N, C-alpha and C. Protein backbone atom coordinates (compact mmCIF):
# COMPACT_ATOMS: atom_id res chain seq x y z
N MET A 1 44.59 31.42 136.61
CA MET A 1 46.01 32.12 136.14
C MET A 1 45.35 32.55 134.80
N ARG A 2 45.96 33.62 134.35
CA ARG A 2 45.57 34.33 133.24
C ARG A 2 46.50 34.03 132.00
N GLY A 3 46.37 33.21 131.05
CA GLY A 3 46.96 33.03 129.84
C GLY A 3 48.25 32.15 130.15
N MET A 4 49.53 32.16 129.55
CA MET A 4 50.60 31.85 130.02
C MET A 4 51.11 32.71 130.82
N THR A 5 51.53 33.85 130.64
CA THR A 5 52.23 34.69 131.77
C THR A 5 51.79 34.45 133.08
N LYS A 6 52.77 34.25 134.00
CA LYS A 6 52.57 34.32 135.33
C LYS A 6 52.96 35.61 136.14
N THR A 7 52.35 36.12 137.00
CA THR A 7 52.96 37.16 137.83
C THR A 7 53.29 36.68 138.95
N GLN A 8 54.82 36.99 139.08
CA GLN A 8 55.50 36.40 140.44
C GLN A 8 56.13 37.28 141.49
N TYR A 9 56.11 37.16 142.62
CA TYR A 9 56.95 37.85 143.66
C TYR A 9 57.66 36.79 144.05
N TYR A 10 59.14 37.28 143.58
CA TYR A 10 59.90 36.49 144.05
C TYR A 10 61.36 37.32 144.36
N THR A 11 61.41 36.75 146.00
CA THR A 11 62.42 37.71 146.88
C THR A 11 62.97 36.96 147.85
N ALA A 12 63.93 37.51 148.37
CA ALA A 12 64.80 37.14 149.62
C ALA A 12 63.82 37.43 150.72
N THR A 13 64.00 36.88 151.72
CA THR A 13 63.41 37.22 152.67
C THR A 13 64.03 36.32 154.16
N SER A 14 64.06 36.99 155.20
CA SER A 14 64.59 36.28 156.48
C SER A 14 63.95 35.57 157.17
N ILE A 15 64.52 35.05 158.12
CA ILE A 15 63.65 33.86 158.90
C ILE A 15 62.56 34.24 159.46
N ASP A 16 62.38 35.64 159.95
CA ASP A 16 61.21 36.46 160.48
C ASP A 16 60.78 36.96 159.75
N GLY A 17 60.84 37.07 158.25
CA GLY A 17 59.90 37.58 157.32
C GLY A 17 59.85 39.16 157.10
N PHE A 18 61.22 39.36 157.11
CA PHE A 18 61.52 40.76 156.40
C PHE A 18 62.19 40.93 154.98
N ILE A 19 62.06 41.56 153.97
CA ILE A 19 62.93 41.58 153.06
C ILE A 19 63.82 42.73 153.01
N ALA A 20 63.56 43.56 153.88
CA ALA A 20 64.94 44.83 154.02
C ALA A 20 64.72 45.06 155.71
N ASP A 21 65.89 45.53 156.15
CA ASP A 21 66.14 46.08 157.46
C ASP A 21 65.71 47.34 157.96
N SER A 22 65.46 47.65 158.93
CA SER A 22 65.01 48.65 159.61
C SER A 22 65.54 50.00 158.80
N ARG A 23 66.59 50.38 158.22
CA ARG A 23 67.26 51.00 157.58
C ARG A 23 66.79 51.13 156.10
N ASN A 24 65.78 50.14 155.55
CA ASN A 24 65.42 49.56 154.31
C ASN A 24 66.58 49.25 153.17
N SER A 25 67.67 48.62 153.94
CA SER A 25 69.02 48.30 153.60
C SER A 25 68.57 46.44 153.25
N LEU A 26 69.24 46.21 152.16
CA LEU A 26 69.39 44.84 151.81
C LEU A 26 70.85 44.42 151.80
N ASP A 27 71.80 45.37 152.39
CA ASP A 27 72.90 44.68 152.83
C ASP A 27 72.96 43.27 153.55
N TRP A 28 72.08 43.16 154.59
CA TRP A 28 72.01 41.98 155.27
C TRP A 28 71.89 40.86 154.08
N LEU A 29 71.34 40.89 152.87
CA LEU A 29 71.23 39.92 152.04
C LEU A 29 72.68 39.43 151.32
N PHE A 30 73.33 40.42 151.14
CA PHE A 30 74.63 40.08 150.42
C PHE A 30 75.75 39.85 151.42
N GLU A 31 75.68 40.02 152.76
CA GLU A 31 76.45 39.06 153.81
C GLU A 31 76.21 37.71 153.80
N THR A 32 75.08 37.30 153.19
CA THR A 32 74.86 35.55 153.47
C THR A 32 75.61 35.11 152.03
N GLU A 33 75.93 33.84 152.66
CA GLU A 33 76.97 33.29 151.72
C GLU A 33 76.14 32.85 150.85
N GLY A 34 76.53 32.91 149.32
CA GLY A 34 75.50 32.88 148.04
C GLY A 34 75.10 31.33 148.03
N GLU A 35 74.20 31.44 147.15
CA GLU A 35 73.49 30.32 146.39
C GLU A 35 74.42 29.42 145.79
N ARG A 36 74.17 28.09 145.59
CA ARG A 36 74.78 26.97 144.84
C ARG A 36 74.17 27.29 143.05
N ALA A 37 75.06 27.08 142.07
CA ALA A 37 74.45 27.11 140.78
C ALA A 37 73.70 25.69 140.75
N ASP A 38 72.94 25.56 139.74
CA ASP A 38 72.06 24.01 139.64
C ASP A 38 72.91 23.20 138.57
N ASP A 39 72.74 22.14 138.23
CA ASP A 39 73.58 21.11 137.42
C ASP A 39 73.98 21.89 136.11
N THR A 40 73.32 23.23 135.65
CA THR A 40 74.04 23.56 134.36
C THR A 40 75.11 24.63 134.68
N GLY A 41 75.10 24.78 135.89
CA GLY A 41 76.07 25.94 136.16
C GLY A 41 75.61 27.16 136.42
N THR A 42 73.97 27.18 136.25
CA THR A 42 73.34 28.74 136.38
C THR A 42 72.86 28.95 137.73
N ASP A 43 72.96 30.28 137.97
CA ASP A 43 72.47 30.66 139.31
C ASP A 43 71.16 30.59 139.19
N PRO A 44 70.20 30.38 140.50
CA PRO A 44 68.84 30.25 140.39
C PRO A 44 68.32 31.91 140.30
N PHE A 45 68.63 32.98 140.17
CA PHE A 45 68.22 34.15 139.83
C PHE A 45 68.43 34.31 138.14
N SER A 46 69.52 33.96 137.61
CA SER A 46 69.43 33.98 136.19
C SER A 46 68.56 33.07 135.49
N ALA A 47 68.66 32.17 136.15
CA ALA A 47 67.48 30.91 135.57
C ALA A 47 66.16 31.44 135.32
N PHE A 48 65.78 32.16 136.53
CA PHE A 48 64.38 32.78 136.76
C PHE A 48 64.46 33.89 135.64
N PHE A 49 65.34 34.80 135.62
CA PHE A 49 65.08 35.85 135.24
C PHE A 49 65.02 35.92 133.36
N THR A 50 65.71 34.62 132.97
CA THR A 50 65.39 34.45 131.67
C THR A 50 63.87 34.10 131.05
N GLN A 51 62.96 33.98 132.15
CA GLN A 51 61.56 33.90 131.88
C GLN A 51 60.79 35.21 132.10
N VAL A 52 61.43 36.11 132.43
CA VAL A 52 60.84 37.47 133.06
C VAL A 52 60.90 38.35 131.52
N GLY A 53 59.73 38.96 131.32
CA GLY A 53 59.38 39.90 130.12
C GLY A 53 59.07 41.35 130.56
N ALA A 54 58.57 41.60 131.84
CA ALA A 54 58.52 42.89 132.13
C ALA A 54 58.59 42.64 133.99
N PHE A 55 59.07 43.75 134.51
CA PHE A 55 58.99 44.11 136.02
C PHE A 55 58.44 45.16 136.77
N ALA A 56 58.36 45.12 137.88
CA ALA A 56 57.81 46.25 138.63
C ALA A 56 58.20 46.03 140.09
N MET A 57 58.62 47.30 140.55
CA MET A 57 59.05 47.30 142.07
C MET A 57 58.52 48.76 142.68
N GLY A 58 58.82 48.71 143.97
CA GLY A 58 58.22 50.20 144.55
C GLY A 58 59.34 51.10 144.42
N ALA A 59 58.88 52.34 145.17
CA ALA A 59 59.66 53.42 145.01
C ALA A 59 60.87 52.96 145.83
N THR A 60 60.78 52.56 147.13
CA THR A 60 61.89 52.73 148.18
C THR A 60 62.80 51.34 147.55
N THR A 61 62.50 50.49 147.03
CA THR A 61 63.55 49.40 146.20
C THR A 61 64.24 50.04 145.13
N TYR A 62 63.63 50.77 144.31
CA TYR A 62 64.09 51.44 143.20
C TYR A 62 65.14 52.40 144.08
N GLU A 63 64.93 53.01 145.01
CA GLU A 63 65.87 54.29 145.71
C GLU A 63 66.77 53.40 146.01
N TRP A 64 66.77 52.28 146.55
CA TRP A 64 68.14 51.51 147.21
C TRP A 64 68.93 51.22 146.19
N VAL A 65 68.36 50.41 145.06
CA VAL A 65 69.00 49.84 144.27
C VAL A 65 70.04 51.10 143.43
N PHE A 66 69.18 52.60 142.96
CA PHE A 66 69.94 53.41 142.43
C PHE A 66 71.08 53.72 143.38
N ASP A 67 70.79 53.83 144.68
CA ASP A 67 71.87 54.61 145.57
C ASP A 67 73.09 53.62 145.57
N HIS A 68 72.33 52.47 145.97
CA HIS A 68 73.53 51.30 146.34
C HIS A 68 74.62 50.85 145.14
N ASP A 69 73.99 50.82 144.15
CA ASP A 69 74.62 50.82 142.91
C ASP A 69 75.13 52.14 142.10
N LYS A 70 74.51 53.01 142.86
CA LYS A 70 75.53 54.62 142.25
C LYS A 70 75.09 54.44 140.64
N LEU A 71 73.88 54.45 140.53
CA LEU A 71 73.12 54.04 138.84
C LEU A 71 73.29 55.57 138.23
N GLY A 72 73.05 56.82 139.02
CA GLY A 72 73.18 57.84 138.69
C GLY A 72 74.65 58.22 137.72
N ASP A 73 76.07 57.61 138.33
CA ASP A 73 77.05 57.75 137.65
C ASP A 73 77.59 56.25 136.97
N ASN A 74 76.73 55.59 137.10
CA ASN A 74 76.91 53.94 136.38
C ASN A 74 75.76 53.41 135.77
N PRO A 75 75.41 53.90 134.76
CA PRO A 75 73.93 53.62 134.56
C PRO A 75 73.91 52.01 133.55
N GLU A 76 74.91 52.01 133.23
CA GLU A 76 75.42 50.65 132.59
C GLU A 76 74.89 49.44 133.63
N LYS A 77 75.04 49.51 135.00
CA LYS A 77 74.81 48.65 135.76
C LYS A 77 73.44 48.17 135.72
N TRP A 78 72.53 48.97 135.44
CA TRP A 78 71.15 48.45 135.26
C TRP A 78 70.91 47.70 134.18
N SER A 79 71.66 47.94 133.03
CA SER A 79 71.35 47.02 131.84
C SER A 79 72.20 45.79 131.99
N SER A 80 73.27 45.94 132.87
CA SER A 80 74.13 44.59 133.02
C SER A 80 73.20 43.55 133.86
N TYR A 81 72.13 43.86 134.90
CA TYR A 81 71.26 43.33 135.53
C TYR A 81 70.23 43.00 134.94
N TYR A 82 69.56 43.63 134.14
CA TYR A 82 68.36 43.56 133.55
C TYR A 82 68.09 43.61 131.97
N GLY A 83 69.11 43.82 131.48
CA GLY A 83 68.98 43.83 130.19
C GLY A 83 68.15 44.94 129.39
N ASP A 84 67.48 44.75 128.44
CA ASP A 84 66.44 45.86 128.06
C ASP A 84 65.26 45.18 128.24
N VAL A 85 64.99 44.54 129.68
CA VAL A 85 63.53 44.25 129.91
C VAL A 85 62.98 45.47 130.68
N PRO A 86 61.63 45.80 129.95
CA PRO A 86 61.10 47.07 130.56
C PRO A 86 60.57 46.87 132.08
N SER A 87 60.59 47.89 132.79
CA SER A 87 60.27 47.89 134.18
C SER A 87 59.43 49.08 134.44
N TRP A 88 58.53 48.81 135.39
CA TRP A 88 57.61 49.97 136.05
C TRP A 88 57.90 50.15 137.57
N VAL A 89 57.86 51.43 137.97
CA VAL A 89 58.48 52.04 139.33
C VAL A 89 57.23 52.27 139.85
N PHE A 90 56.51 51.83 140.93
CA PHE A 90 55.13 52.75 141.74
C PHE A 90 55.83 53.44 142.59
N THR A 91 55.45 55.00 142.29
CA THR A 91 55.79 55.86 143.02
C THR A 91 55.19 57.11 143.28
N HIS A 92 55.02 57.84 144.28
CA HIS A 92 54.03 59.23 144.37
C HIS A 92 54.82 60.06 144.60
N ARG A 93 56.15 59.87 144.28
CA ARG A 93 57.34 61.12 144.24
C ARG A 93 58.13 61.07 143.02
N SER A 94 58.67 62.32 142.84
CA SER A 94 59.68 62.34 141.80
C SER A 94 61.16 61.48 141.86
N LEU A 95 61.68 60.27 141.16
CA LEU A 95 62.53 59.71 141.24
C LEU A 95 63.45 60.06 139.99
N PRO A 96 64.77 59.78 140.22
CA PRO A 96 65.82 60.07 139.06
C PRO A 96 65.45 58.90 137.97
N PRO A 97 65.65 59.13 136.60
CA PRO A 97 65.68 58.16 135.82
C PRO A 97 67.01 57.66 135.70
N ILE A 98 67.13 56.46 135.08
CA ILE A 98 68.39 55.91 134.61
C ILE A 98 68.35 55.91 133.05
N PRO A 99 69.50 56.65 132.85
CA PRO A 99 69.81 56.91 131.41
C PRO A 99 69.66 55.73 130.33
N GLY A 100 69.14 55.30 129.30
CA GLY A 100 69.17 54.62 128.59
C GLY A 100 68.40 53.16 129.18
N ALA A 101 67.60 53.07 130.31
CA ALA A 101 67.01 52.40 130.86
C ALA A 101 65.56 52.66 130.44
N THR A 102 64.84 51.15 130.22
CA THR A 102 63.18 51.32 130.14
C THR A 102 62.34 51.25 131.30
N VAL A 103 62.65 52.46 132.10
CA VAL A 103 61.63 52.52 133.44
C VAL A 103 60.61 53.38 133.32
N ASN A 104 59.62 52.88 133.55
CA ASN A 104 58.44 53.83 133.57
C ASN A 104 57.68 54.06 135.05
N PHE A 105 57.82 55.44 135.22
CA PHE A 105 57.45 55.87 136.59
C PHE A 105 55.73 55.77 136.58
N VAL A 106 55.30 54.98 137.75
CA VAL A 106 53.75 55.07 137.52
C VAL A 106 53.27 55.09 138.89
N GLU A 107 51.73 55.39 139.21
CA GLU A 107 51.03 55.62 140.31
C GLU A 107 49.92 55.06 140.30
N GLY A 108 49.17 54.78 141.41
CA GLY A 108 47.85 54.43 141.47
C GLY A 108 47.52 52.76 141.40
N ASP A 109 46.50 52.53 140.91
CA ASP A 109 45.78 51.09 140.83
C ASP A 109 47.00 50.54 140.10
N VAL A 110 47.19 48.99 140.40
CA VAL A 110 48.11 48.20 139.92
C VAL A 110 47.45 47.54 138.29
N ARG A 111 46.11 47.57 138.57
CA ARG A 111 45.35 46.88 137.38
C ARG A 111 45.73 47.39 135.73
N PRO A 112 45.91 48.61 135.40
CA PRO A 112 45.83 48.98 134.24
C PRO A 112 47.55 48.89 134.15
N VAL A 113 48.31 49.21 135.12
CA VAL A 113 49.73 48.77 134.81
C VAL A 113 50.16 47.49 134.70
N HIS A 114 49.40 46.43 135.15
CA HIS A 114 49.56 44.85 135.02
C HIS A 114 49.00 44.83 133.25
N GLU A 115 47.98 45.21 132.96
CA GLU A 115 47.80 45.19 131.69
C GLU A 115 48.74 45.49 130.81
N ALA A 116 49.16 46.64 130.88
CA ALA A 116 50.71 47.15 130.01
C ALA A 116 52.00 46.27 130.15
N MET A 117 51.92 45.78 131.66
CA MET A 117 53.16 44.69 131.63
C MET A 117 53.17 43.78 130.86
N ARG A 118 51.71 43.13 131.03
CA ARG A 118 51.17 41.76 130.38
C ARG A 118 51.67 42.30 128.89
N ALA A 119 51.24 43.24 128.00
CA ALA A 119 51.38 43.34 126.84
C ALA A 119 52.94 43.21 126.22
N ALA A 120 53.70 44.07 127.52
CA ALA A 120 55.10 44.10 127.29
C ALA A 120 55.90 42.89 127.44
N ALA A 121 55.26 41.72 128.43
CA ALA A 121 55.93 40.71 128.75
C ALA A 121 55.87 39.62 127.48
N ALA A 122 54.90 40.07 126.70
CA ALA A 122 54.31 38.83 125.64
C ALA A 122 54.08 37.68 126.28
N ASP A 123 54.82 36.41 125.99
CA ASP A 123 54.63 35.06 126.54
C ASP A 123 55.50 34.81 127.80
N LYS A 124 56.38 35.75 128.21
CA LYS A 124 57.19 35.70 129.42
C LYS A 124 56.55 36.32 130.76
N ASN A 125 56.93 35.97 131.69
CA ASN A 125 56.28 36.41 133.09
C ASN A 125 56.58 37.59 133.80
N ILE A 126 55.80 38.21 134.49
CA ILE A 126 56.17 39.45 135.23
C ILE A 126 56.57 38.98 136.40
N TRP A 127 57.54 39.94 136.97
CA TRP A 127 58.09 39.88 138.11
C TRP A 127 57.89 40.92 139.34
N ILE A 128 57.23 40.60 140.28
CA ILE A 128 57.16 41.96 141.39
C ILE A 128 58.64 42.06 142.01
N VAL A 129 59.21 42.65 142.10
CA VAL A 129 60.62 42.67 142.91
C VAL A 129 60.43 42.94 144.37
N GLY A 130 59.41 44.04 144.57
CA GLY A 130 58.97 44.33 145.96
C GLY A 130 59.11 45.89 145.86
N GLY A 131 58.60 46.39 146.76
CA GLY A 131 58.61 45.59 148.46
C GLY A 131 57.05 44.78 148.39
N GLY A 132 57.18 44.41 149.80
CA GLY A 132 55.90 43.49 150.13
C GLY A 132 54.38 44.23 149.96
N GLU A 133 54.53 45.66 149.91
CA GLU A 133 53.27 46.17 150.06
C GLU A 133 52.81 46.58 148.73
N LEU A 134 53.76 46.51 147.70
CA LEU A 134 53.31 46.49 146.32
C LEU A 134 52.72 45.00 145.71
N ALA A 135 53.73 43.96 146.26
CA ALA A 135 53.20 42.69 145.86
C ALA A 135 51.89 42.39 146.51
N GLY A 136 51.50 42.98 148.14
CA GLY A 136 50.35 43.00 148.61
C GLY A 136 49.10 43.27 147.32
N ALA A 137 49.54 44.56 146.81
CA ALA A 137 48.50 45.47 146.25
C ALA A 137 48.00 44.60 144.83
N PHE A 138 49.07 43.66 144.00
CA PHE A 138 48.73 42.74 143.40
C PHE A 138 48.10 41.54 143.52
N ALA A 139 48.37 41.14 144.82
CA ALA A 139 47.55 39.93 145.47
C ALA A 139 45.93 40.34 145.74
N ASP A 140 45.93 41.82 146.13
CA ASP A 140 44.67 41.82 146.31
C ASP A 140 43.78 42.49 145.49
N ALA A 141 44.31 42.63 144.18
CA ALA A 141 43.67 42.68 142.86
C ALA A 141 43.62 40.99 142.19
N GLY A 142 44.12 40.47 142.79
CA GLY A 142 44.01 38.88 142.11
C GLY A 142 44.83 38.77 141.14
N LEU A 143 45.87 39.52 140.86
CA LEU A 143 46.92 39.35 139.83
C LEU A 143 47.96 38.79 140.02
N LEU A 144 48.29 38.18 141.38
CA LEU A 144 49.60 37.50 141.70
C LEU A 144 49.28 36.14 141.56
N ASP A 145 50.17 35.46 140.68
CA ASP A 145 50.03 33.85 140.74
C ASP A 145 50.67 33.17 141.77
N GLU A 146 51.90 33.42 141.93
CA GLU A 146 52.91 32.86 142.64
C GLU A 146 53.68 33.55 143.86
N ILE A 147 54.31 33.13 144.59
CA ILE A 147 55.23 33.58 145.46
C ILE A 147 56.39 32.58 145.49
N ILE A 148 57.74 32.99 145.16
CA ILE A 148 58.90 32.34 145.29
C ILE A 148 59.79 33.14 146.32
N LEU A 149 59.94 32.20 147.58
CA LEU A 149 60.79 32.96 148.82
C LEU A 149 62.11 32.11 148.56
N GLY A 150 62.78 32.82 148.68
CA GLY A 150 64.45 32.42 149.03
C GLY A 150 64.54 32.89 150.77
N VAL A 151 64.66 31.78 151.52
CA VAL A 151 64.62 32.29 152.88
C VAL A 151 66.02 32.09 153.52
N ALA A 152 66.81 33.20 153.89
CA ALA A 152 68.07 33.31 154.19
C ALA A 152 68.06 33.01 155.50
N PRO A 153 69.53 32.45 156.01
CA PRO A 153 69.62 32.00 157.07
C PRO A 153 69.96 33.39 158.27
N VAL A 154 69.13 34.22 158.34
CA VAL A 154 68.92 35.14 159.14
C VAL A 154 68.02 35.92 159.82
N THR A 155 67.90 36.63 160.85
CA THR A 155 66.62 37.22 161.43
C THR A 155 67.08 38.52 161.39
N LEU A 156 66.30 39.54 161.24
CA LEU A 156 66.61 40.76 161.37
C LEU A 156 65.80 41.86 162.24
N GLY A 157 64.82 40.92 163.15
CA GLY A 157 64.21 41.77 164.14
C GLY A 157 63.20 42.87 163.96
N GLY A 158 62.98 43.14 162.85
CA GLY A 158 62.37 44.19 162.18
C GLY A 158 62.50 44.89 160.53
N GLY A 159 61.82 45.64 160.04
CA GLY A 159 62.42 45.98 158.99
C GLY A 159 61.06 46.11 157.87
N ALA A 160 61.15 45.91 156.86
CA ALA A 160 59.99 46.00 155.74
C ALA A 160 59.63 44.42 155.72
N PRO A 161 58.31 44.26 156.18
CA PRO A 161 57.78 42.93 155.80
C PRO A 161 57.66 42.34 154.40
N LEU A 162 57.83 40.98 154.65
CA LEU A 162 57.78 40.03 153.37
C LEU A 162 56.54 40.51 152.70
N LEU A 163 55.23 40.48 153.15
CA LEU A 163 53.64 40.66 152.70
C LEU A 163 52.76 41.26 153.58
N PRO A 164 52.82 42.59 153.70
CA PRO A 164 51.72 43.09 154.75
C PRO A 164 50.34 42.90 154.52
N ARG A 165 50.11 41.53 154.35
CA ARG A 165 48.46 41.14 154.31
C ARG A 165 48.06 39.98 154.82
N ARG A 166 47.12 39.73 154.96
CA ARG A 166 46.73 38.61 155.56
C ARG A 166 46.09 37.49 154.46
N LEU A 167 47.02 36.70 153.78
CA LEU A 167 46.46 35.92 152.88
C LEU A 167 46.75 34.36 153.39
N THR A 168 45.45 33.92 153.76
CA THR A 168 45.05 32.84 154.56
C THR A 168 45.43 31.28 153.55
N SER A 169 45.64 30.32 154.28
CA SER A 169 46.06 28.97 153.67
C SER A 169 44.75 28.91 152.20
N SER A 170 43.71 29.15 152.25
CA SER A 170 43.00 28.75 151.52
C SER A 170 43.23 29.72 149.95
N ARG A 171 44.25 30.41 150.16
CA ARG A 171 44.63 31.31 148.80
C ARG A 171 45.92 30.67 148.37
N LEU A 172 46.62 29.93 149.31
CA LEU A 172 48.28 29.78 149.09
C LEU A 172 48.06 28.09 149.11
N THR A 173 49.02 27.74 148.26
CA THR A 173 49.07 26.15 147.94
C THR A 173 50.88 26.13 147.44
N LEU A 174 51.41 25.36 148.79
CA LEU A 174 52.82 24.73 148.57
C LEU A 174 53.07 24.17 147.54
N THR A 175 53.88 24.47 146.30
CA THR A 175 53.84 24.04 145.21
C THR A 175 55.44 23.38 145.01
N GLY A 176 56.37 23.94 145.62
CA GLY A 176 57.85 23.44 145.58
C GLY A 176 58.65 23.84 146.89
N MET A 177 59.51 23.18 147.11
CA MET A 177 60.61 23.49 148.22
C MET A 177 61.85 23.00 148.08
N GLU A 178 62.72 23.69 148.08
CA GLU A 178 64.00 22.90 148.02
C GLU A 178 65.18 23.75 148.59
N GLN A 179 66.42 23.09 148.98
CA GLN A 179 67.46 23.78 149.61
C GLN A 179 68.72 24.11 148.53
N ARG A 180 68.82 25.45 148.56
CA ARG A 180 70.07 25.78 147.66
C ARG A 180 71.21 26.57 148.06
N GLY A 181 72.28 25.71 148.79
CA GLY A 181 73.07 26.35 149.52
C GLY A 181 72.69 26.48 150.99
N PRO A 182 72.83 27.79 151.65
CA PRO A 182 72.06 27.94 152.83
C PRO A 182 70.62 28.40 152.95
N PHE A 183 69.95 28.46 151.40
CA PHE A 183 68.78 29.26 151.50
C PHE A 183 67.80 28.09 151.50
N ALA A 184 66.64 28.22 151.74
CA ALA A 184 65.50 27.12 151.69
C ALA A 184 64.39 28.03 150.89
N TYR A 185 64.16 27.30 149.63
CA TYR A 185 63.21 27.88 148.83
C TYR A 185 61.58 27.56 148.78
N LEU A 186 60.58 28.30 148.85
CA LEU A 186 59.41 27.97 149.10
C LEU A 186 58.79 28.64 147.83
N THR A 187 57.76 27.81 147.30
CA THR A 187 56.99 28.44 146.03
C THR A 187 55.60 28.07 146.45
N TYR A 188 54.87 29.09 146.32
CA TYR A 188 53.43 28.95 146.61
C TYR A 188 52.55 29.63 145.32
N ALA A 189 51.69 28.87 144.91
CA ALA A 189 50.44 29.22 143.91
C ALA A 189 49.77 29.89 144.90
N VAL A 190 49.28 31.49 144.38
CA VAL A 190 48.31 32.13 144.97
C VAL A 190 47.03 32.08 144.14
N ALA A 191 45.87 31.77 145.10
CA ALA A 191 44.58 32.04 144.20
C ALA A 191 43.99 33.31 144.58
N ALA A 192 42.99 33.49 143.40
CA ALA A 192 42.61 35.17 143.59
C ALA A 192 41.52 35.30 144.96
N PRO A 193 41.30 36.31 145.29
CA PRO A 193 40.69 36.48 146.36
C PRO A 193 39.06 35.89 145.95
N ALA A 194 38.37 35.54 147.09
CA ALA A 194 37.25 34.95 146.84
C ALA A 194 36.03 36.15 146.66
């Protein structure tokens, strides 16, 4: 692991390993009965996000959030979710910006972007939101430290895969598992490629 900052792929997945359905939608996730708060009354995502200093997402994820939440008309929703945490969106096409949000549109190799994200995150963590191909690019570069999966009680039968890479057990170590409401949470430490 590099310093104190961890790069984490924290995502929800279906039992059969998809993070979005065949229409690239996350609506299936919001149909699932919610997680329970912990003993302090904090929901798991809020507790996770307090440790995030920068995050990245792919173009498809960004477009879904932008369209689903109508961010062109309601840009304040972005800050209500993510505050002023800087973000990077990996894309090969032109995407609409969100007024007032710190969104950096980038493309290419994840390594120089990761360095910029580390600098922005200071001593906090970097969150790889999705999709799986982007998380895979960070894993390929040896820059992914942890995978945190919230396994939802649903199967999708197809869609965007959780992580379209072969990562063998030599690179993955189970470090935590727990039940939160209907979700099973699995946490894996990720070793760099040999």
